[in-house]
């Protein structure tokens, strides 16, 4: 009986902590949206710090181009080989182009890009803001009359929501190029045949689905990184723990959001 009571008490503490974290996250999201979309229209001093947005965008987007290119190139090649091994049995090798194009634009491009960015930049947001909190720089901003959400978080969220869709487009084209490379050199498909089937397989709607996902993924990554950063406690150990949690939570939210999107698109089709 005492063990059962302890287990129930532990479960209750976890549930209460999760509910409190969810409430705090929603409050932070509302404040970020206020400073991004409402405050700039009301007061001149509430303008978005675009120089910081550009700086963060370079770190999130430009610095990640190489790793996004390489990983999605390999994934496109792998998708082409896997599709060819299956479709060869049915004499439909030309459908390799369709399979690679649809998988990259609808699923793999946005998903892999978001996971890469969460590991690179989402964790960096947590470490930076957490270190600033430990050094009492966040309190210093408040003392100087600067809102930490507007000053620190809004540029990061906005830069993430701009950079990730651009990286997703690069990932889509790179994955399709990797599939073309394999199809032409290994599967022995004609180059023009592959390109024609790719153009027939996808339309702007498929690309927009992936970009819509990427915007939501970007917001989740930036929100998680900023929230766990501002909630850091316990010095350097706490910063390290929150940085690790940032990656884990971001990937979980990305996959869960992808499931919701996939179910929704399946339902409307």
C-alpha atoms as a PDB file:
ATOM      1  CA  UNK A   1       0.000   0.000   0.000  1.00  0.00           C
ATOM      2  CA  UNK A   2       2.737   2.588   0.816  1.00  0.00           C
ATOM      3  CA  UNK A   3       4.408   1.793  -2.527  1.00  0.00           C
ATOM      4  CA  UNK A   4       1.118   2.336  -4.348  1.00  0.00           C
ATOM      5  CA  UNK A   5       0.622   5.654  -2.604  1.00  0.00           C
ATOM      6  CA  UNK A   6       4.147   6.734  -3.521  1.00  0.00           C
ATOM      7  CA  UNK A   7       3.577   5.716  -7.153  1.00  0.00           C
ATOM      8  CA  UNK A   8       0.302   7.638  -7.311  1.00  0.00           C
ATOM      9  CA  UNK A   9       1.929  10.658  -5.695  1.00  0.00           C
ATOM     10  CA  UNK A  10       4.779  10.558  -8.223  1.00  0.00           C
ATOM     11  CA  UNK A  11       2.292  10.236 -11.074  1.00  0.00           C
ATOM     12  CA  UNK A  12       0.334  13.189  -9.704  1.00  0.00           C
ATOM     13  CA  UNK A  13       3.470  15.322  -9.481  1.00  0.00           C
ATOM     14  CA  UNK A  14       4.331  14.484 -13.099  1.00  0.00           C
ATOM     15  CA  UNK A  15       0.811  15.341 -14.253  1.00  0.00           C
ATOM     16  CA  UNK A  16       0.808  18.641 -12.355  1.00  0.00           C
ATOM     17  CA  UNK A  17       4.247  19.514 -13.737  1.00  0.00           C
ATOM     18  CA  UNK A  18       3.151  18.699 -17.293  1.00  0.00           C
ATOM     19  CA  UNK A  19       0.008  20.814 -16.927  1.00  0.00           C
ATOM     20  CA  UNK A  20       2.025  23.727 -15.545  1.00  0.00           C
ATOM     21  CA  UNK A  21       4.555  23.458 -18.376  1.00  0.00           C
ATOM     22  CA  UNK A  22       1.747  23.396 -20.954  1.00  0.00           C
ATOM     23  CA  UNK A  23       0.140  26.477 -19.415  1.00  0.00           C
ATOM     24  CA  UNK A  24       3.454  28.342 -19.308  1.00  0.00           C
ATOM     25  CA  UNK A  25       4.192  27.386 -22.924  1.00  0.00           C
ATOM     26  CA  UNK A  26       0.817  28.682 -24.080  1.00  0.00           C
ATOM     27  CA  UNK A  27       1.347  31.946 -22.181  1.00  0.00           C
ATOM     28  CA  UNK A  28       4.782  32.359 -23.758  1.00  0.00           C
ATOM     29  CA  UNK A  29       3.408  31.598 -27.239  1.00  0.00           C
ATOM     30  CA  UNK A  30       0.687  34.239 -26.785  1.00  0.00           C
ATOM     31  CA  UNK A  31       3.259  36.798 -25.679  1.00  0.00           C
ATOM     32  CA  UNK A  32       5.512  36.015 -28.649  1.00  0.00           C
ATOM     33  CA  UNK A  33       2.595  36.395 -31.070  1.00  0.00           C
ATOM     34  CA  UNK A  34       1.707  39.700 -29.422  1.00  0.00           C
ATOM     35  CA  UNK A  35       5.197  41.132 -29.889  1.00  0.00           C
ATOM     36  CA  UNK A  36       5.425  39.757 -33.445  1.00  0.00           C
ATOM     37  CA  UNK A  37       2.045  40.761 -34.887  1.00  0.00           C
ATOM     38  CA  UNK A  38       0.228  43.187 -32.566  1.00  0.00           C
ATOM     39  CA  UNK A  39       2.741  45.415 -30.781  1.00  0.00           C
ATOM     40  CA  UNK A  40       4.565  46.668 -33.939  1.00  0.00           C
ATOM     41  CA  UNK A  41       1.287  48.235 -35.119  1.00  0.00           C
ATOM     42  CA  UNK A  42       0.629  50.006 -31.822  1.00  0.00           C
ATOM     43  CA  UNK A  43       3.895  51.540 -30.699  1.00  0.00           C
ATOM     44  CA  UNK A  44       6.952  52.635 -32.610  1.00  0.00           C
ATOM     45  CA  UNK A  45       9.301  51.386 -29.893  1.00  0.00           C
ATOM     46  CA  UNK A  46       7.874  47.870 -30.266  1.00  0.00           C
ATOM     47  CA  UNK A  47       9.231  47.334 -33.766  1.00  0.00           C
ATOM     48  CA  UNK A  48      10.801  43.971 -34.515  1.00  0.00           C
ATOM     49  CA  UNK A  49      14.597  43.951 -34.285  1.00  0.00           C
ATOM     50  CA  UNK A  50      15.247  42.999 -37.902  1.00  0.00           C
ATOM     51  CA  UNK A  51      19.027  43.183 -37.583  1.00  0.00           C
ATOM     52  CA  UNK A  52      18.835  40.444 -34.947  1.00  0.00           C
ATOM     53  CA  UNK A  53      16.413  38.465 -37.152  1.00  0.00           C
ATOM     54  CA  UNK A  54      18.930  38.575 -40.010  1.00  0.00           C
ATOM     55  CA  UNK A  55      21.789  37.585 -37.707  1.00  0.00           C
ATOM     56  CA  UNK A  56      19.859  34.628 -36.309  1.00  0.00           C
ATOM     57  CA  UNK A  57      18.633  33.712 -39.784  1.00  0.00           C
ATOM     58  CA  UNK A  58      22.193  33.403 -41.020  1.00  0.00           C
ATOM     59  CA  UNK A  59      23.024  31.079 -38.145  1.00  0.00           C
ATOM     60  CA  UNK A  60      19.869  28.996 -38.532  1.00  0.00           C
ATOM     61  CA  UNK A  61      19.653  28.912 -42.319  1.00  0.00           C
ATOM     62  CA  UNK A  62      22.885  29.707 -44.107  1.00  0.00           C
ATOM     63  CA  UNK A  63      25.117  27.750 -41.731  1.00  0.00           C
ATOM     64  CA  UNK A  64      22.883  24.667 -42.080  1.00  0.00           C
ATOM     65  CA  UNK A  65      22.762  24.520 -45.881  1.00  0.00           C
ATOM     66  CA  UNK A  66      25.657  22.096 -46.253  1.00  0.00           C
ATOM     67  CA  UNK A  67      24.392  19.515 -43.764  1.00  0.00           C
ATOM     68  CA  UNK A  68      20.824  19.777 -45.125  1.00  0.00           C
ATOM     69  CA  UNK A  69      22.134  19.319 -48.670  1.00  0.00           C
ATOM     70  CA  UNK A  70      24.278  16.296 -47.869  1.00  0.00           C
ATOM     71  CA  UNK A  71      21.726  14.456 -45.719  1.00  0.00           C
ATOM     72  CA  UNK A  72      18.834  14.961 -48.132  1.00  0.00           C
ATOM     73  CA  UNK A  73      21.015  14.009 -51.079  1.00  0.00           C
ATOM     74  CA  UNK A  74      21.745  10.680 -49.392  1.00  0.00           C
ATOM     75  CA  UNK A  75      18.100  10.226 -48.412  1.00  0.00           C
ATOM     76  CA  UNK A  76      16.972  10.851 -51.981  1.00  0.00           C
ATOM     77  CA  UNK A  77      19.467   8.259 -53.221  1.00  0.00           C
ATOM     78  CA  UNK A  78      18.326   5.747 -50.616  1.00  0.00           C
ATOM     79  CA  UNK A  79      14.656   6.350 -51.491  1.00  0.00           C
ATOM     80  CA  UNK A  80      15.373   5.764 -55.166  1.00  0.00           C
ATOM     81  CA  UNK A  81      17.204   2.506 -54.486  1.00  0.00           C
ATOM     82  CA  UNK A  82      14.508   1.230 -52.127  1.00  0.00           C
ATOM     83  CA  UNK A  83      11.739   2.171 -54.543  1.00  0.00           C
ATOM     84  CA  UNK A  84      13.553   0.575 -57.465  1.00  0.00           C
ATOM     85  CA  UNK A  85      14.046  -2.717 -55.628  1.00  0.00           C
ATOM     86  CA  UNK A  86      10.295  -2.910 -54.983  1.00  0.00           C
ATOM     87  CA  UNK A  87       8.940  -1.528 -58.266  1.00  0.00           C
ATOM     88  CA  UNK A  88      11.255  -3.707 -60.377  1.00  0.00           C
ATOM     89  CA  UNK A  89       9.144  -6.710 -59.340  1.00  0.00           C
ATOM     90  CA  UNK A  90       6.104  -5.125 -61.007  1.00  0.00           C
ATOM     91  CA  UNK A  91       7.901  -3.758 -64.057  1.00  0.00           C
ATOM     92  CA  UNK A  92       7.196  -0.149 -63.031  1.00  0.00           C
ATOM     93  CA  UNK A  93      10.674   1.332 -62.616  1.00  0.00           C
ATOM     94  CA  UNK A  94       9.548   4.663 -64.027  1.00  0.00           C
ATOM     95  CA  UNK A  95       7.478   5.176 -60.884  1.00  0.00           C
ATOM     96  CA  UNK A  96      10.712   5.591 -58.943  1.00  0.00           C
ATOM     97  CA  UNK A  97      10.610   9.270 -59.908  1.00  0.00           C
ATOM     98  CA  UNK A  98       7.063   9.592 -58.571  1.00  0.00           C
ATOM     99  CA  UNK A  99       7.915   7.884 -55.288  1.00  0.00           C
ATOM    100  CA  UNK A 100      11.010  10.005 -54.631  1.00  0.00           C
ATOM    101  CA  UNK A 101       9.359  13.287 -55.593  1.00  0.00           C
ATOM    102  CA  UNK A 102       6.241  12.759 -53.470  1.00  0.00           C
ATOM    103  CA  UNK A 103       8.106  11.426 -50.449  1.00  0.00           C
ATOM    104  CA  UNK A 104      10.592  14.302 -50.457  1.00  0.00           C
ATOM    105  CA  UNK A 105       8.112  17.144 -50.953  1.00  0.00           C
ATOM    106  CA  UNK A 106       5.367  15.846 -48.674  1.00  0.00           C
ATOM    107  CA  UNK A 107       7.233  14.104 -45.859  1.00  0.00           C
ATOM    108  CA  UNK A 108      10.975  13.588 -45.848  1.00  0.00           C
ATOM    109  CA  UNK A 109      12.080  17.083 -46.864  1.00  0.00           C
ATOM    110  CA  UNK A 110      10.194  18.992 -44.146  1.00  0.00           C
ATOM    111  CA  UNK A 111      10.690  16.294 -41.507  1.00  0.00           C
ATOM    112  CA  UNK A 112      14.428  15.764 -41.934  1.00  0.00           C
ATOM    113  CA  UNK A 113      15.103  19.486 -42.221  1.00  0.00           C
ATOM    114  CA  UNK A 114      13.208  20.174 -39.001  1.00  0.00           C
ATOM    115  CA  UNK A 115      15.074  17.428 -37.143  1.00  0.00           C
ATOM    116  CA  UNK A 116      18.432  18.746 -38.368  1.00  0.00           C
ATOM    117  CA  UNK A 117      17.576  22.317 -37.352  1.00  0.00           C
ATOM    118  CA  UNK A 118      16.280  21.209 -33.957  1.00  0.00           C
ATOM    119  CA  UNK A 119      19.626  19.553 -33.247  1.00  0.00           C
ATOM    120  CA  UNK A 120      21.659  22.521 -34.509  1.00  0.00           C
ATOM    121  CA  UNK A 121      19.719  25.656 -33.670  1.00  0.00           C
ATOM    122  CA  UNK A 122      16.929  24.686 -31.268  1.00  0.00           C
ATOM    123  CA  UNK A 123      19.450  23.406 -28.767  1.00  0.00           C
ATOM    124  CA  UNK A 124      21.607  26.486 -29.368  1.00  0.00           C
ATOM    125  CA  UNK A 125      18.646  28.740 -28.494  1.00  0.00           C
ATOM    126  CA  UNK A 126      18.229  26.886 -25.202  1.00  0.00           C
ATOM    127  CA  UNK A 127      21.931  27.076 -24.360  1.00  0.00           C
ATOM    128  CA  UNK A 128      22.206  30.783 -25.218  1.00  0.00           C
ATOM    129  CA  UNK A 129      19.120  31.944 -23.346  1.00  0.00           C
ATOM    130  CA  UNK A 130      19.834  29.581 -20.448  1.00  0.00           C
ATOM    131  CA  UNK A 131      23.376  30.901 -20.108  1.00  0.00           C
ATOM    132  CA  UNK A 132      22.082  34.468 -20.198  1.00  0.00           C
ATOM    133  CA  UNK A 133      19.599  33.655 -17.457  1.00  0.00           C
ATOM    134  CA  UNK A 134      22.293  32.068 -15.303  1.00  0.00           C
ATOM    135  CA  UNK A 135      24.480  35.153 -15.814  1.00  0.00           C
ATOM    136  CA  UNK A 136      21.491  37.356 -14.823  1.00  0.00           C
ATOM    137  CA  UNK A 137      21.555  39.081 -18.220  1.00  0.00           C
ATOM    138  CA  UNK A 138      17.822  38.440 -18.641  1.00  0.00           C
ATOM    139  CA  UNK A 139      17.154  40.235 -15.351  1.00  0.00           C
ATOM    140  CA  UNK A 140      19.402  43.070 -16.513  1.00  0.00           C
ATOM    141  CA  UNK A 141      17.296  43.477 -19.668  1.00  0.00           C
ATOM    142  CA  UNK A 142      14.164  43.719 -17.537  1.00  0.00           C
ATOM    143  CA  UNK A 143      15.847  46.281 -15.282  1.00  0.00           C
ATOM    144  CA  UNK A 144      16.723  48.414 -18.331  1.00  0.00           C
ATOM    145  CA  UNK A 145      13.077  48.332 -19.436  1.00  0.00           C
ATOM    146  CA  UNK A 146      13.577  45.849 -22.278  1.00  0.00           C
ATOM    147  CA  UNK A 147      11.118  42.985 -22.568  1.00  0.00           C
ATOM    148  CA  UNK A 148      13.110  39.700 -22.758  1.00  0.00           C
ATOM    149  CA  UNK A 149      10.486  38.077 -24.995  1.00  0.00           C
ATOM    150  CA  UNK A 150      10.659  40.889 -27.558  1.00  0.00           C
ATOM    151  CA  UNK A 151      14.421  41.336 -27.262  1.00  0.00           C
ATOM    152  CA  UNK A 152      15.571  37.691 -27.205  1.00  0.00           C
ATOM    153  CA  UNK A 153      12.825  35.356 -28.371  1.00  0.00           C
ATOM    154  CA  UNK A 154      10.921  37.123 -31.139  1.00  0.00           C
ATOM    155  CA  UNK A 155      13.981  37.461 -33.443  1.00  0.00           C
ATOM    156  CA  UNK A 156      14.822  33.788 -32.916  1.00  0.00           C
ATOM    157  CA  UNK A 157      11.285  32.579 -33.581  1.00  0.00           C
ATOM    158  CA  UNK A 158      10.882  34.793 -36.642  1.00  0.00           C
ATOM    159  CA  UNK A 159      14.255  33.834 -38.119  1.00  0.00           C
ATOM    160  CA  UNK A 160      13.453  30.160 -37.592  1.00  0.00           C
ATOM    161  CA  UNK A 161      10.069  30.501 -39.311  1.00  0.00           C
ATOM    162  CA  UNK A 162      11.748  32.139 -42.316  1.00  0.00           C
ATOM    163  CA  UNK A 163      14.851  29.945 -42.586  1.00  0.00           C
ATOM    164  CA  UNK A 164      13.310  26.483 -42.165  1.00  0.00           C
ATOM    165  CA  UNK A 165      10.908  26.736 -45.156  1.00  0.00           C
ATOM    166  CA  UNK A 166      13.811  27.915 -47.329  1.00  0.00           C
ATOM    167  CA  UNK A 167      15.910  24.984 -46.138  1.00  0.00           C
ATOM    168  CA  UNK A 168      12.944  22.694 -46.838  1.00  0.00           C
ATOM    169  CA  UNK A 169      12.841  23.837 -50.472  1.00  0.00           C
ATOM    170  CA  UNK A 170      16.561  23.134 -50.748  1.00  0.00           C
ATOM    171  CA  UNK A 171      15.990  19.708 -49.180  1.00  0.00           C
ATOM    172  CA  UNK A 172      13.208  18.907 -51.663  1.00  0.00           C
ATOM    173  CA  UNK A 173      15.302  19.745 -54.713  1.00  0.00           C
ATOM    174  CA  UNK A 174      18.363  18.012 -53.287  1.00  0.00           C
ATOM    175  CA  UNK A 175      16.468  14.796 -52.514  1.00  0.00           C
ATOM    176  CA  UNK A 176      14.945  14.739 -56.002  1.00  0.00           C
ATOM    177  CA  UNK A 177      18.388  15.326 -57.474  1.00  0.00           C
ATOM    178  CA  UNK A 178      19.767  12.419 -55.431  1.00  0.00           C
ATOM    179  CA  UNK A 179      16.979  10.200 -56.741  1.00  0.00           C
ATOM    180  CA  UNK A 180      17.725  11.300 -60.306  1.00  0.00           C
ATOM    181  CA  UNK A 181      21.414  10.562 -59.829  1.00  0.00           C
ATOM    182  CA  UNK A 182      20.715   6.996 -58.715  1.00  0.00           C
ATOM    183  CA  UNK A 183      18.020   6.432 -61.338  1.00  0.00           C
ATOM    184  CA  UNK A 184      20.273   7.487 -64.192  1.00  0.00           C
ATOM    185  CA  UNK A 185      23.519   5.840 -63.066  1.00  0.00           C
ATOM    186  CA  UNK A 186      22.354   2.650 -61.300  1.00  0.00           C
ATOM    187  CA  UNK A 187      18.737   1.908 -62.212  1.00  0.00           C
ATOM    188  CA  UNK A 188      19.351   2.761 -65.901  1.00  0.00           C
ATOM    189  CA  UNK A 189      16.388   5.086 -66.343  1.00  0.00           C
ATOM    190  CA  UNK A 190      16.522   7.829 -68.918  1.00  0.00           C
ATOM    191  CA  UNK A 191      17.250  11.311 -67.598  1.00  0.00           C
ATOM    192  CA  UNK A 192      14.379  12.940 -69.484  1.00  0.00           C
ATOM    193  CA  UNK A 193      11.985  10.164 -68.453  1.00  0.00           C
ATOM    194  CA  UNK A 194      12.839  10.711 -64.803  1.00  0.00           C
ATOM    195  CA  UNK A 195      12.396  14.482 -65.044  1.00  0.00           C
ATOM    196  CA  UNK A 196       9.083  14.159 -66.917  1.00  0.00           C
ATOM    197  CA  UNK A 197       7.654  11.703 -64.382  1.00  0.00           C
ATOM    198  CA  UNK A 198       8.808  13.928 -61.518  1.00  0.00           C
ATOM    199  CA  UNK A 199       7.025  16.938 -63.018  1.00  0.00           C
ATOM    200  CA  UNK A 200       3.885  14.845 -63.547  1.00  0.00           C
ATOM    201  CA  UNK A 201       3.976  13.434 -60.002  1.00  0.00           C
ATOM    202  CA  UNK A 202       4.051  16.659 -57.997  1.00  0.00           C
ATOM    203  CA  UNK A 203       2.306  20.001 -58.190  1.00  0.00           C
ATOM    204  CA  UNK A 204       2.382  23.213 -56.213  1.00  0.00           C
ATOM    205  CA  UNK A 205      -0.055  21.737 -53.694  1.00  0.00           C
ATOM    206  CA  UNK A 206       2.451  19.065 -52.689  1.00  0.00           C
ATOM    207  CA  UNK A 207       5.179  21.669 -52.228  1.00  0.00           C
ATOM    208  CA  UNK A 208       2.875  23.946 -50.223  1.00  0.00           C
ATOM    209  CA  UNK A 209       1.939  21.074 -47.919  1.00  0.00           C
ATOM    210  CA  UNK A 210       5.592  20.574 -47.082  1.00  0.00           C
ATOM    211  CA  UNK A 211       6.162  24.295 -46.589  1.00  0.00           C
ATOM    212  CA  UNK A 212       3.133  24.565 -44.315  1.00  0.00           C
ATOM    213  CA  UNK A 213       4.536  21.762 -42.206  1.00  0.00           C
ATOM    214  CA  UNK A 214       7.949  23.418 -42.112  1.00  0.00           C
ATOM    215  CA  UNK A 215       6.538  26.700 -40.778  1.00  0.00           C
ATOM    216  CA  UNK A 216       4.768  24.877 -37.935  1.00  0.00           C
ATOM    217  CA  UNK A 217       7.848  22.745 -37.241  1.00  0.00           C
ATOM    218  CA  UNK A 218       9.983  25.892 -37.103  1.00  0.00           C
ATOM    219  CA  UNK A 219       7.669  27.518 -34.590  1.00  0.00           C
ATOM    220  CA  UNK A 220       7.683  24.402 -32.397  1.00  0.00           C
ATOM    221  CA  UNK A 221      11.492  24.188 -32.487  1.00  0.00           C
ATOM    222  CA  UNK A 222      12.007  27.856 -31.641  1.00  0.00           C
ATOM    223  CA  UNK A 223       9.317  27.856 -28.951  1.00  0.00           C
ATOM    224  CA  UNK A 224      10.775  24.771 -27.291  1.00  0.00           C
ATOM    225  CA  UNK A 225      14.305  26.149 -27.393  1.00  0.00           C
ATOM    226  CA  UNK A 226      13.293  29.528 -25.966  1.00  0.00           C
ATOM    227  CA  UNK A 227      10.933  28.102 -23.332  1.00  0.00           C
ATOM    228  CA  UNK A 228      13.433  25.584 -21.950  1.00  0.00           C
ATOM    229  CA  UNK A 229      16.136  28.234 -22.050  1.00  0.00           C
ATOM    230  CA  UNK A 230      14.183  30.736 -19.976  1.00  0.00           C
ATOM    231  CA  UNK A 231      13.219  27.962 -17.514  1.00  0.00           C
ATOM    232  CA  UNK A 232      16.816  26.849 -16.879  1.00  0.00           C
ATOM    233  CA  UNK A 233      17.740  26.244 -13.239  1.00  0.00           C
ATOM    234  CA  UNK A 234      20.791  24.762 -11.569  1.00  0.00           C
ATOM    235  CA  UNK A 235      23.776  26.427 -13.200  1.00  0.00           C
ATOM    236  CA  UNK A 236      25.862  24.814 -15.928  1.00  0.00           C
ATOM    237  CA  UNK A 237      24.378  21.385 -15.244  1.00  0.00           C
ATOM    238  CA  UNK A 238      20.892  22.793 -15.676  1.00  0.00           C
ATOM    239  CA  UNK A 239      21.853  24.414 -18.983  1.00  0.00           C
ATOM    240  CA  UNK A 240      23.213  21.116 -20.273  1.00  0.00           C
ATOM    241  CA  UNK A 241      20.124  19.217 -19.144  1.00  0.00           C
ATOM    242  CA  UNK A 242      17.759  21.741 -20.727  1.00  0.00           C
ATOM    243  CA  UNK A 243      19.745  21.702 -23.970  1.00  0.00           C
ATOM    244  CA  UNK A 244      19.396  17.928 -24.192  1.00  0.00           C
ATOM    245  CA  UNK A 245      15.701  18.115 -23.337  1.00  0.00           C
ATOM    246  CA  UNK A 246      15.236  20.749 -26.031  1.00  0.00           C
ATOM    247  CA  UNK A 247      16.316  18.350 -28.780  1.00  0.00           C
ATOM    248  CA  UNK A 248      14.250  15.456 -27.421  1.00  0.00           C
ATOM    249  CA  UNK A 249      11.082  17.514 -26.918  1.00  0.00           C
ATOM    250  CA  UNK A 250      11.452  19.263 -30.276  1.00  0.00           C
ATOM    251  CA  UNK A 251      11.766  15.989 -32.185  1.00  0.00           C
ATOM    252  CA  UNK A 252       8.786  14.541 -30.321  1.00  0.00           C
ATOM    253  CA  UNK A 253       6.652  17.596 -31.142  1.00  0.00           C
ATOM    254  CA  UNK A 254       7.794  17.572 -34.777  1.00  0.00           C
ATOM    255  CA  UNK A 255       6.827  13.935 -35.278  1.00  0.00           C
ATOM    256  CA  UNK A 256       3.526  14.374 -33.436  1.00  0.00           C
ATOM    257  CA  UNK A 257       2.676  17.469 -35.510  1.00  0.00           C
ATOM    258  CA  UNK A 258       3.628  15.563 -38.673  1.00  0.00           C
ATOM    259  CA  UNK A 259       1.199  12.811 -37.675  1.00  0.00           C
ATOM    260  CA  UNK A 260      -1.579  15.391 -37.242  1.00  0.00           C
ATOM    261  CA  UNK A 261      -0.815  16.968 -40.615  1.00  0.00           C
ATOM    262  CA  UNK A 262      -0.681  13.608 -42.386  1.00  0.00           C
ATOM    263  CA  UNK A 263      -3.999  12.502 -40.895  1.00  0.00           C
ATOM    264  CA  UNK A 264      -5.581  15.831 -41.856  1.00  0.00           C
ATOM    265  CA  UNK A 265      -4.340  15.732 -45.459  1.00  0.00           C
ATOM    266  CA  UNK A 266      -5.418  12.107 -45.734  1.00  0.00           C
ATOM    267  CA  UNK A 267      -8.893  13.012 -44.497  1.00  0.00           C
ATOM    268  CA  UNK A 268      -9.395  15.895 -46.937  1.00  0.00           C
ATOM    269  CA  UNK A 269      -8.253  13.759 -49.867  1.00  0.00           C
END
